[in-house]
Protein backbone atom coordinates (compact mmCIF):
# COMPACT_ATOMS: atom_id res chain seq x y z
CA UNK A 1 -23.72 -12.06 -3.05
CA UNK A 2 -20.64 -10.86 -4.93
CA UNK A 3 -20.57 -7.63 -6.90
CA UNK A 4 -17.85 -6.42 -9.24
CA UNK A 5 -14.45 -8.05 -9.26
CA UNK A 6 -13.01 -9.78 -6.22
CA UNK A 7 -9.70 -8.71 -4.72
CA UNK A 8 -6.71 -10.96 -4.20
CA UNK A 9 -6.53 -9.88 -0.55
CA UNK A 10 -4.27 -7.61 1.45
CA UNK A 11 -0.70 -8.50 0.59
CA UNK A 12 1.03 -5.15 1.11
CA UNK A 13 1.10 -2.82 4.12
CA UNK A 14 3.10 0.41 3.93
CA UNK A 15 4.18 2.27 7.07
CA UNK A 16 5.14 5.96 7.07
CA UNK A 17 8.41 6.52 8.97
CA UNK A 18 10.40 9.58 10.00
CA UNK A 19 13.73 7.85 10.74
CA UNK A 20 14.33 5.15 8.13
CA UNK A 21 17.43 3.67 9.80
CA UNK A 22 15.72 3.36 13.19
CA UNK A 23 12.55 1.91 11.65
CA UNK A 24 14.57 -0.54 9.55
CA UNK A 25 16.28 -1.88 12.69
CA UNK A 26 12.94 -2.44 14.43
CA UNK A 27 11.17 -4.04 11.45
CA UNK A 28 14.17 -6.27 10.68
CA UNK A 29 14.09 -7.50 14.29
CA UNK A 30 10.30 -7.91 14.22
CA UNK A 31 10.13 -9.78 10.91
CA UNK A 32 13.35 -11.76 11.32
CA UNK A 33 14.40 -11.18 7.71
CA UNK A 34 16.56 -8.66 5.91
CA UNK A 35 14.98 -6.20 3.48
CA UNK A 36 14.50 -7.33 -0.11
CA UNK A 37 14.49 -3.68 -1.20
CA UNK A 38 16.70 -1.19 0.63
CA UNK A 39 16.66 2.28 -0.93
CA UNK A 40 16.67 5.78 0.60
CA UNK A 41 13.06 6.24 -0.58
CA UNK A 42 11.69 2.79 0.41
CA UNK A 43 12.65 -0.29 2.42
CA UNK A 44 10.61 -3.39 1.71
CA UNK A 45 10.41 -6.85 3.24
CA UNK A 46 8.91 -10.00 1.73
CA UNK A 47 7.70 -12.36 4.43
CA UNK A 48 5.04 -15.06 4.49
CA UNK A 49 3.57 -13.85 1.19
CA UNK A 50 3.32 -10.24 2.30
CA UNK A 51 5.18 -7.07 1.41
CA UNK A 52 5.86 -4.84 4.41
CA UNK A 53 7.18 -1.44 3.38
CA UNK A 54 8.72 1.54 5.15
CA UNK A 55 8.08 4.90 3.46
CA UNK A 56 10.26 7.76 4.70
CA UNK A 57 8.39 11.04 4.64
CA UNK A 58 5.11 9.20 4.16
CA UNK A 59 3.35 11.60 6.52
CA UNK A 60 4.33 14.45 4.19
CA UNK A 61 2.43 12.61 1.45
CA UNK A 62 -0.73 12.23 3.53
CA UNK A 63 -0.05 8.86 5.17
CA UNK A 64 -1.44 9.28 8.68
CA UNK A 65 -0.70 5.65 9.58
CA UNK A 66 -0.10 2.29 7.94
CA UNK A 67 -1.97 1.77 4.66
CA UNK A 68 -3.20 -1.69 3.67
CA UNK A 69 -3.09 -2.35 -0.07
CA UNK A 70 -5.60 -4.74 -1.63
CA UNK A 71 -4.23 -6.52 -4.69
CA UNK A 72 -6.59 -6.42 -7.66
CA UNK A 73 -6.45 -7.63 -11.27
CA UNK A 74 -7.83 -4.33 -12.71
CA UNK A 75 -7.11 -1.20 -10.67
CA UNK A 76 -9.19 1.18 -12.80
CA UNK A 77 -12.24 -1.09 -12.63
CA UNK A 78 -11.91 -1.43 -8.85
CA UNK A 79 -11.50 2.35 -8.41
CA UNK A 80 -14.67 2.82 -10.45
CA UNK A 81 -16.51 0.28 -8.28
CA UNK A 82 -15.47 1.78 -4.95
CA UNK A 83 -16.09 5.37 -6.03
CA UNK A 84 -19.55 4.41 -7.32
CA UNK A 85 -20.16 2.98 -3.85
CA UNK A 86 -19.14 6.24 -2.12
CA UNK A 87 -15.32 6.17 -1.81
CA UNK A 88 -13.21 9.16 -2.83
CA UNK A 89 -10.00 8.81 -4.84
CA UNK A 90 -7.07 10.18 -2.86
CA UNK A 91 -4.27 9.30 -5.30
CA UNK A 92 -5.21 8.03 -8.78
CA UNK A 93 -3.51 4.97 -10.25
CA UNK A 94 0.12 5.58 -11.11
CA UNK A 95 2.98 3.36 -12.23
CA UNK A 96 5.61 2.86 -9.53
CA UNK A 97 7.87 0.78 -11.77
CA UNK A 98 7.93 -2.70 -13.18
CA UNK A 99 4.36 -2.38 -14.43
CA UNK A 100 3.00 -2.13 -10.87
CA UNK A 101 0.14 0.35 -10.50
CA UNK A 102 -0.90 1.79 -7.14
CA UNK A 103 -3.76 4.04 -6.04
CA UNK A 104 -5.33 5.14 -2.77
CA UNK A 105 -8.84 6.12 -1.83
CA UNK A 106 -10.76 7.00 1.31
CA UNK A 107 -13.83 5.28 2.66
CA UNK A 108 -16.79 7.34 3.96
CA UNK A 109 -15.05 7.72 7.34
CA UNK A 110 -11.81 9.04 5.82
CA UNK A 111 -9.80 5.83 6.27
CA UNK A 112 -7.13 5.49 3.59
CA UNK A 113 -7.11 2.23 1.63
CA UNK A 114 -4.79 1.23 -1.18
CA UNK A 115 -5.01 -0.79 -4.37
CA UNK A 116 -2.18 -2.52 -6.25
CA UNK A 117 -2.25 -4.07 -9.69
CA UNK A 118 0.68 -6.03 -11.03
């Protein structure tokens, strides 16, 4: 049985890092590709249909570990669905540029999950 709108799967995983240069070296070696986005505030890799991101200072923003982002067609509708089911919004939907919206929420055990639209 399906309820609400289906997701498009996990396509993005963001990792909090303390030393961006050191992390970039390790992830570049691991993934075997160079970053597609390389900024002081974010380094991102596109590989095999996934976005792997490094977020400097992520721990300061509440990232206690990697956060998987589920891609959805309507972020507000999905936030409404998961909160009605017992999730708590951690960071409401906000535009991170290029029309891409992101939000995070916690499940009943406090695990942080992310949503991306766009």
